[in-house]
Amino acid sequence: MPSFVAEVPAASPEATAAYYARKLAFETDCWDVHASLTAGHGDFVLLDVRSPTHYAAAHIPGAINLPHGKMTAHHMSKWPADTLFVVYCAGPHCNGTDKAALRLARLGLHVKVMIGGMTGWADEGFSFESSPATAAA
């Protein structure tokens, strides 16, 4: 009798590779965002989708505060159409990133979710900054 792990056979290596390639097309992690920002790679826009109050208290350096409700076609037209947006919120317990990713995708924009959000960033030991409470207009 197989173990609980082996009871359901593993996917083929080809299916596994396809699955993870697809998954990585939708998300990134705190480490990759931090390494990219530190190296000065400006090939994405980092959006903090939490409230202006939470953003003001602490956010990832370089992030722009833009709650998903403010993501309109007019507002997003400030960036080139091929811009990659990376969105984050409080952490795994928050679906703000999902709402933001859905809204951006429906606007025809490229987006990835930064898994872990603020919680993941803190867990990695990365620093935060604070600023006056002002949301992107």
N, C-alpha and C. Protein backbone atom coordinates (compact mmCIF):
# COMPACT_ATOMS: atom_id res chain seq x y z
N MET A 1 0.85 -1.19 0.00
CA MET A 1 0.00 0.00 0.00
C MET A 1 0.89 1.25 0.00
N PRO A 2 0.65 2.20 -0.94
CA PRO A 2 1.49 3.40 -1.01
C PRO A 2 1.21 4.36 0.14
N SER A 3 2.16 5.26 0.38
CA SER A 3 1.98 6.30 1.40
C SER A 3 0.91 7.28 0.96
N PHE A 4 0.50 8.13 1.88
CA PHE A 4 -0.45 9.18 1.53
C PHE A 4 0.14 10.10 0.45
N VAL A 5 1.46 10.27 0.46
CA VAL A 5 2.14 11.11 -0.52
C VAL A 5 2.07 10.48 -1.91
N ALA A 6 2.33 9.18 -1.97
CA ALA A 6 2.41 8.50 -3.26
C ALA A 6 1.07 7.93 -3.73
N GLU A 7 0.05 8.03 -2.90
CA GLU A 7 -1.26 7.48 -3.24
C GLU A 7 -1.78 8.04 -4.57
N VAL A 8 -1.59 9.35 -4.78
CA VAL A 8 -1.91 9.97 -6.06
C VAL A 8 -0.58 10.11 -6.80
N PRO A 9 -0.45 9.50 -7.95
CA PRO A 9 0.83 9.56 -8.67
C PRO A 9 1.23 10.99 -9.01
N ALA A 10 2.54 11.23 -9.00
CA ALA A 10 3.07 12.54 -9.37
C ALA A 10 2.83 12.79 -10.87
N ALA A 11 2.70 14.04 -11.22
CA ALA A 11 2.54 14.41 -12.62
C ALA A 11 3.82 14.09 -13.38
N SER A 12 3.70 14.01 -14.67
CA SER A 12 4.89 13.79 -15.50
C SER A 12 5.82 14.99 -15.38
N PRO A 13 7.11 14.79 -15.62
CA PRO A 13 8.03 15.93 -15.59
C PRO A 13 7.60 17.04 -16.55
N GLU A 14 7.05 16.70 -17.71
CA GLU A 14 6.61 17.71 -18.68
C GLU A 14 5.42 18.50 -18.13
N ALA A 15 4.48 17.79 -17.51
CA ALA A 15 3.32 18.48 -16.93
C ALA A 15 3.74 19.35 -15.75
N THR A 16 4.69 18.87 -14.96
CA THR A 16 5.19 19.65 -13.82
C THR A 16 5.89 20.92 -14.31
N ALA A 17 6.72 20.79 -15.33
CA ALA A 17 7.41 21.96 -15.88
C ALA A 17 6.41 22.97 -16.43
N ALA A 18 5.41 22.50 -17.13
CA ALA A 18 4.40 23.41 -17.69
C ALA A 18 3.63 24.12 -16.58
N TYR A 19 3.28 23.38 -15.53
CA TYR A 19 2.54 23.96 -14.41
C TYR A 19 3.34 25.09 -13.75
N TYR A 20 4.61 24.82 -13.44
CA TYR A 20 5.39 25.83 -12.73
C TYR A 20 5.78 27.00 -13.63
N ALA A 21 5.98 26.76 -14.89
CA ALA A 21 6.23 27.87 -15.81
C ALA A 21 5.00 28.78 -15.86
N ARG A 22 3.84 28.18 -15.91
CA ARG A 22 2.59 28.96 -15.92
C ARG A 22 2.41 29.72 -14.61
N LYS A 23 2.67 29.06 -13.49
CA LYS A 23 2.52 29.69 -12.18
C LYS A 23 3.43 30.91 -12.04
N LEU A 24 4.68 30.78 -12.50
CA LEU A 24 5.62 31.88 -12.38
C LEU A 24 5.29 33.04 -13.32
N ALA A 25 4.44 32.81 -14.30
CA ALA A 25 3.98 33.90 -15.16
C ALA A 25 2.99 34.80 -14.43
N PHE A 26 2.43 34.30 -13.33
CA PHE A 26 1.42 35.05 -12.58
C PHE A 26 1.96 35.69 -11.31
N GLU A 27 3.10 35.21 -10.83
CA GLU A 27 3.56 35.69 -9.53
C GLU A 27 5.08 35.81 -9.48
N THR A 28 5.51 36.61 -8.52
CA THR A 28 6.91 36.75 -8.17
C THR A 28 6.97 36.72 -6.65
N ASP A 29 8.18 36.79 -6.10
CA ASP A 29 8.25 36.78 -4.64
C ASP A 29 9.04 37.98 -4.12
N CYS A 30 9.03 38.13 -2.82
CA CYS A 30 9.67 39.28 -2.19
C CYS A 30 11.16 39.33 -2.49
N TRP A 31 11.81 38.18 -2.47
CA TRP A 31 13.25 38.13 -2.72
C TRP A 31 13.58 38.66 -4.12
N ASP A 32 12.85 38.21 -5.13
CA ASP A 32 13.11 38.65 -6.50
C ASP A 32 12.82 40.13 -6.69
N VAL A 33 11.76 40.62 -6.05
CA VAL A 33 11.45 42.06 -6.13
C VAL A 33 12.56 42.86 -5.47
N HIS A 34 12.96 42.45 -4.28
CA HIS A 34 14.02 43.15 -3.55
C HIS A 34 15.32 43.15 -4.35
N ALA A 35 15.72 42.00 -4.86
CA ALA A 35 16.97 41.90 -5.63
C ALA A 35 16.91 42.78 -6.88
N SER A 36 15.76 42.81 -7.54
CA SER A 36 15.61 43.63 -8.73
C SER A 36 15.69 45.12 -8.40
N LEU A 37 15.00 45.53 -7.33
CA LEU A 37 15.03 46.94 -6.93
C LEU A 37 16.44 47.35 -6.51
N THR A 38 17.11 46.48 -5.75
CA THR A 38 18.46 46.77 -5.28
C THR A 38 19.44 46.91 -6.44
N ALA A 39 19.25 46.09 -7.47
CA ALA A 39 20.12 46.12 -8.64
C ALA A 39 19.77 47.25 -9.60
N GLY A 40 18.69 47.97 -9.31
CA GLY A 40 18.28 49.09 -10.15
C GLY A 40 17.57 48.68 -11.42
N HIS A 41 17.02 47.48 -11.44
CA HIS A 41 16.26 47.04 -12.61
C HIS A 41 14.86 47.63 -12.55
N GLY A 42 14.63 48.62 -13.35
CA GLY A 42 13.35 49.32 -13.35
C GLY A 42 12.41 48.82 -14.43
N ASP A 43 12.32 47.50 -14.60
CA ASP A 43 11.47 46.97 -15.67
C ASP A 43 10.07 46.59 -15.18
N PHE A 44 9.68 47.09 -14.02
CA PHE A 44 8.33 46.89 -13.50
C PHE A 44 7.99 48.05 -12.58
N VAL A 45 6.68 48.23 -12.36
CA VAL A 45 6.18 49.24 -11.43
C VAL A 45 5.57 48.50 -10.25
N LEU A 46 6.05 48.81 -9.06
CA LEU A 46 5.59 48.16 -7.84
C LEU A 46 4.44 48.95 -7.24
N LEU A 47 3.28 48.31 -7.13
CA LEU A 47 2.08 48.97 -6.62
C LEU A 47 1.66 48.37 -5.28
N ASP A 48 1.56 49.22 -4.28
CA ASP A 48 1.02 48.86 -2.97
C ASP A 48 -0.47 49.14 -3.05
N VAL A 49 -1.29 48.09 -2.97
CA VAL A 49 -2.73 48.25 -3.20
C VAL A 49 -3.52 48.41 -1.89
N ARG A 50 -2.82 48.63 -0.79
CA ARG A 50 -3.49 48.84 0.50
C ARG A 50 -4.00 50.28 0.60
N SER A 51 -4.65 50.57 1.69
CA SER A 51 -5.19 51.92 1.90
C SER A 51 -4.07 52.94 2.05
N PRO A 52 -4.35 54.20 1.76
CA PRO A 52 -3.34 55.24 1.95
C PRO A 52 -2.82 55.30 3.39
N THR A 53 -3.67 55.03 4.37
CA THR A 53 -3.25 55.05 5.77
C THR A 53 -2.22 53.97 6.05
N HIS A 54 -2.49 52.76 5.57
CA HIS A 54 -1.54 51.66 5.77
C HIS A 54 -0.24 51.92 5.01
N TYR A 55 -0.36 52.43 3.80
CA TYR A 55 0.82 52.77 3.00
C TYR A 55 1.68 53.80 3.74
N ALA A 56 1.05 54.83 4.29
CA ALA A 56 1.80 55.88 4.98
C ALA A 56 2.56 55.34 6.18
N ALA A 57 1.96 54.38 6.88
CA ALA A 57 2.60 53.82 8.06
C ALA A 57 3.86 53.03 7.70
N ALA A 58 3.79 52.24 6.63
CA ALA A 58 4.94 51.45 6.19
C ALA A 58 4.65 50.87 4.82
N HIS A 59 5.64 50.93 3.95
CA HIS A 59 5.52 50.33 2.62
C HIS A 59 6.90 49.96 2.10
N ILE A 60 6.93 49.23 1.03
CA ILE A 60 8.18 48.83 0.41
C ILE A 60 8.78 50.04 -0.30
N PRO A 61 10.06 50.31 -0.08
CA PRO A 61 10.69 51.45 -0.74
C PRO A 61 10.52 51.38 -2.26
N GLY A 62 10.09 52.48 -2.83
CA GLY A 62 9.89 52.56 -4.27
C GLY A 62 8.49 52.22 -4.73
N ALA A 63 7.66 51.72 -3.83
CA ALA A 63 6.29 51.35 -4.19
C ALA A 63 5.42 52.60 -4.32
N ILE A 64 4.45 52.51 -5.21
CA ILE A 64 3.45 53.55 -5.41
C ILE A 64 2.15 53.06 -4.79
N ASN A 65 1.49 53.90 -4.03
CA ASN A 65 0.21 53.52 -3.44
C ASN A 65 -0.91 53.70 -4.45
N LEU A 66 -1.57 52.60 -4.78
CA LEU A 66 -2.68 52.66 -5.72
C LEU A 66 -3.68 51.55 -5.39
N PRO A 67 -4.64 51.83 -4.51
CA PRO A 67 -5.67 50.83 -4.20
C PRO A 67 -6.40 50.40 -5.47
N HIS A 68 -6.83 49.14 -5.50
CA HIS A 68 -7.41 48.59 -6.73
C HIS A 68 -8.62 49.38 -7.22
N GLY A 69 -9.36 50.00 -6.33
CA GLY A 69 -10.51 50.80 -6.75
C GLY A 69 -10.14 52.03 -7.57
N LYS A 70 -8.89 52.45 -7.50
CA LYS A 70 -8.42 53.62 -8.26
C LYS A 70 -7.78 53.22 -9.59
N MET A 71 -7.75 51.94 -9.86
CA MET A 71 -7.13 51.45 -11.10
C MET A 71 -8.12 51.54 -12.25
N THR A 72 -8.17 52.70 -12.86
CA THR A 72 -9.06 52.93 -14.01
C THR A 72 -8.23 53.01 -15.28
N ALA A 73 -8.87 52.86 -16.41
CA ALA A 73 -8.17 52.97 -17.68
C ALA A 73 -7.49 54.34 -17.79
N HIS A 74 -8.18 55.38 -17.38
CA HIS A 74 -7.60 56.72 -17.44
C HIS A 74 -6.36 56.82 -16.57
N HIS A 75 -6.46 56.36 -15.34
CA HIS A 75 -5.33 56.45 -14.41
C HIS A 75 -4.15 55.62 -14.89
N MET A 76 -4.41 54.42 -15.37
CA MET A 76 -3.33 53.52 -15.77
C MET A 76 -2.69 53.95 -17.09
N SER A 77 -3.34 54.85 -17.82
CA SER A 77 -2.77 55.32 -19.09
C SER A 77 -1.52 56.18 -18.87
N LYS A 78 -1.19 56.48 -17.62
CA LYS A 78 0.03 57.23 -17.30
C LYS A 78 1.28 56.41 -17.64
N TRP A 79 1.12 55.11 -17.73
CA TRP A 79 2.25 54.21 -18.02
C TRP A 79 2.10 53.64 -19.42
N PRO A 80 3.22 53.28 -20.06
CA PRO A 80 3.15 52.63 -21.37
C PRO A 80 2.34 51.34 -21.28
N ALA A 81 1.68 50.97 -22.36
CA ALA A 81 0.80 49.80 -22.37
C ALA A 81 1.52 48.50 -22.07
N ASP A 82 2.83 48.43 -22.32
CA ASP A 82 3.56 47.19 -22.07
C ASP A 82 4.22 47.14 -20.69
N THR A 83 3.87 48.07 -19.81
CA THR A 83 4.42 48.09 -18.45
C THR A 83 4.01 46.83 -17.70
N LEU A 84 4.97 46.27 -16.96
CA LEU A 84 4.68 45.17 -16.05
C LEU A 84 4.44 45.76 -14.67
N PHE A 85 3.28 45.47 -14.10
CA PHE A 85 2.95 45.91 -12.76
C PHE A 85 3.11 44.74 -11.80
N VAL A 86 3.69 45.00 -10.64
CA VAL A 86 3.77 44.02 -9.57
C VAL A 86 2.98 44.59 -8.42
N VAL A 87 1.99 43.82 -7.95
CA VAL A 87 1.09 44.30 -6.91
C VAL A 87 1.31 43.52 -5.61
N TYR A 88 1.13 44.22 -4.49
CA TYR A 88 1.20 43.56 -3.19
C TYR A 88 0.24 44.23 -2.22
N CYS A 89 -0.13 43.47 -1.19
CA CYS A 89 -0.96 44.02 -0.11
C CYS A 89 -0.37 43.56 1.22
N ALA A 90 -1.22 43.35 2.20
CA ALA A 90 -0.74 43.05 3.55
C ALA A 90 -0.01 41.72 3.65
N GLY A 91 -0.54 40.71 3.01
CA GLY A 91 0.09 39.39 3.11
C GLY A 91 -0.83 38.31 2.60
N PRO A 92 -0.50 37.06 2.91
CA PRO A 92 -1.27 35.94 2.38
C PRO A 92 -2.74 35.93 2.81
N HIS A 93 -3.05 36.65 3.88
CA HIS A 93 -4.41 36.71 4.39
C HIS A 93 -5.27 37.76 3.68
N CYS A 94 -4.67 38.47 2.73
CA CYS A 94 -5.34 39.59 2.07
C CYS A 94 -5.54 39.27 0.59
N ASN A 95 -6.75 39.53 0.07
CA ASN A 95 -6.98 39.27 -1.36
C ASN A 95 -6.93 40.55 -2.20
N GLY A 96 -6.38 41.61 -1.63
CA GLY A 96 -6.24 42.86 -2.38
C GLY A 96 -5.40 42.70 -3.62
N THR A 97 -4.37 41.87 -3.55
CA THR A 97 -3.54 41.65 -4.74
C THR A 97 -4.33 40.95 -5.83
N ASP A 98 -5.18 40.01 -5.43
CA ASP A 98 -5.99 39.30 -6.42
C ASP A 98 -6.95 40.26 -7.11
N LYS A 99 -7.57 41.14 -6.33
CA LYS A 99 -8.49 42.12 -6.90
C LYS A 99 -7.76 43.08 -7.83
N ALA A 100 -6.57 43.50 -7.42
CA ALA A 100 -5.78 44.41 -8.25
C ALA A 100 -5.32 43.73 -9.53
N ALA A 101 -4.85 42.49 -9.41
CA ALA A 101 -4.39 41.76 -10.60
C ALA A 101 -5.53 41.56 -11.58
N LEU A 102 -6.70 41.22 -11.06
CA LEU A 102 -7.86 41.04 -11.93
C LEU A 102 -8.22 42.34 -12.63
N ARG A 103 -8.24 43.42 -11.89
CA ARG A 103 -8.59 44.72 -12.48
C ARG A 103 -7.59 45.12 -13.56
N LEU A 104 -6.30 44.97 -13.26
CA LEU A 104 -5.28 45.34 -14.25
C LEU A 104 -5.37 44.47 -15.49
N ALA A 105 -5.56 43.17 -15.30
CA ALA A 105 -5.69 42.27 -16.44
C ALA A 105 -6.90 42.62 -17.29
N ARG A 106 -8.00 42.96 -16.65
CA ARG A 106 -9.21 43.36 -17.39
C ARG A 106 -8.99 44.65 -18.16
N LEU A 107 -8.03 45.46 -17.72
CA LEU A 107 -7.67 46.69 -18.43
C LEU A 107 -6.65 46.40 -19.55
N GLY A 108 -6.29 45.13 -19.70
CA GLY A 108 -5.36 44.74 -20.74
C GLY A 108 -3.90 44.94 -20.37
N LEU A 109 -3.61 45.02 -19.07
CA LEU A 109 -2.25 45.29 -18.61
C LEU A 109 -1.58 44.04 -18.07
N HIS A 110 -0.26 44.04 -18.11
CA HIS A 110 0.54 42.92 -17.61
C HIS A 110 0.74 43.09 -16.11
N VAL A 111 0.53 42.00 -15.37
CA VAL A 111 0.61 42.08 -13.91
C VAL A 111 1.09 40.77 -13.32
N LYS A 112 1.84 40.90 -12.23
CA LYS A 112 2.23 39.77 -11.40
C LYS A 112 1.93 40.13 -9.95
N VAL A 113 1.60 39.13 -9.18
CA VAL A 113 1.36 39.30 -7.75
C VAL A 113 2.66 39.00 -7.01
N MET A 114 3.03 39.86 -6.07
CA MET A 114 4.17 39.56 -5.21
C MET A 114 3.64 38.75 -4.03
N ILE A 115 3.90 37.45 -4.07
CA ILE A 115 3.39 36.57 -3.01
C ILE A 115 4.04 36.95 -1.68
N GLY A 116 3.27 36.86 -0.63
CA GLY A 116 3.76 37.19 0.70
C GLY A 116 3.41 38.59 1.14
N GLY A 117 3.38 39.53 0.21
CA GLY A 117 3.05 40.91 0.54
C GLY A 117 3.95 41.49 1.62
N MET A 118 3.39 42.35 2.44
CA MET A 118 4.14 42.99 3.53
C MET A 118 4.66 41.96 4.52
N THR A 119 3.86 40.93 4.78
CA THR A 119 4.29 39.88 5.72
C THR A 119 5.52 39.17 5.19
N GLY A 120 5.50 38.80 3.92
CA GLY A 120 6.64 38.13 3.32
C GLY A 120 7.88 39.01 3.30
N TRP A 121 7.68 40.29 2.99
CA TRP A 121 8.79 41.25 2.97
C TRP A 121 9.44 41.33 4.35
N ALA A 122 8.61 41.42 5.39
CA ALA A 122 9.13 41.47 6.76
C ALA A 122 9.83 40.16 7.12
N ASP A 123 9.26 39.04 6.72
CA ASP A 123 9.86 37.74 7.02
C ASP A 123 11.26 37.62 6.40
N GLU A 124 11.47 38.25 5.26
CA GLU A 124 12.78 38.22 4.61
C GLU A 124 13.77 39.16 5.29
N GLY A 125 13.27 40.03 6.18
CA GLY A 125 14.14 40.98 6.88
C GLY A 125 14.42 42.25 6.09
N PHE A 126 13.62 42.49 5.05
CA PHE A 126 13.82 43.68 4.22
C PHE A 126 13.20 44.91 4.91
N SER A 127 13.75 46.07 4.63
CA SER A 127 13.29 47.29 5.31
C SER A 127 12.07 47.90 4.62
N PHE A 128 11.38 48.71 5.41
CA PHE A 128 10.22 49.46 4.95
C PHE A 128 10.54 50.94 5.05
N GLU A 129 9.69 51.74 4.43
CA GLU A 129 9.75 53.18 4.63
C GLU A 129 8.35 53.67 4.91
N SER A 130 8.25 54.89 5.40
CA SER A 130 6.93 55.49 5.64
C SER A 130 6.90 56.84 4.95
N SER A 131 5.69 57.35 4.76
CA SER A 131 5.54 58.63 4.09
C SER A 131 4.19 59.22 4.43
N PRO A 132 3.95 60.46 4.05
CA PRO A 132 2.63 61.06 4.30
C PRO A 132 1.53 60.25 3.60
N ALA A 133 0.36 60.24 4.20
CA ALA A 133 -0.78 59.48 3.66
C ALA A 133 -1.36 60.18 2.45
N THR A 134 -0.87 59.80 1.27
CA THR A 134 -1.44 60.32 0.04
C THR A 134 -1.50 59.19 -0.97
N ALA A 135 -2.67 58.96 -1.51
CA ALA A 135 -2.83 57.92 -2.53
C ALA A 135 -2.58 58.55 -3.89
N ALA A 136 -2.22 57.73 -4.84
CA ALA A 136 -2.06 58.21 -6.21
C ALA A 136 -3.42 58.73 -6.68
N ALA A 137 -3.40 59.89 -7.29
CA ALA A 137 -4.67 60.51 -7.72
C ALA A 137 -5.23 59.86 -8.95
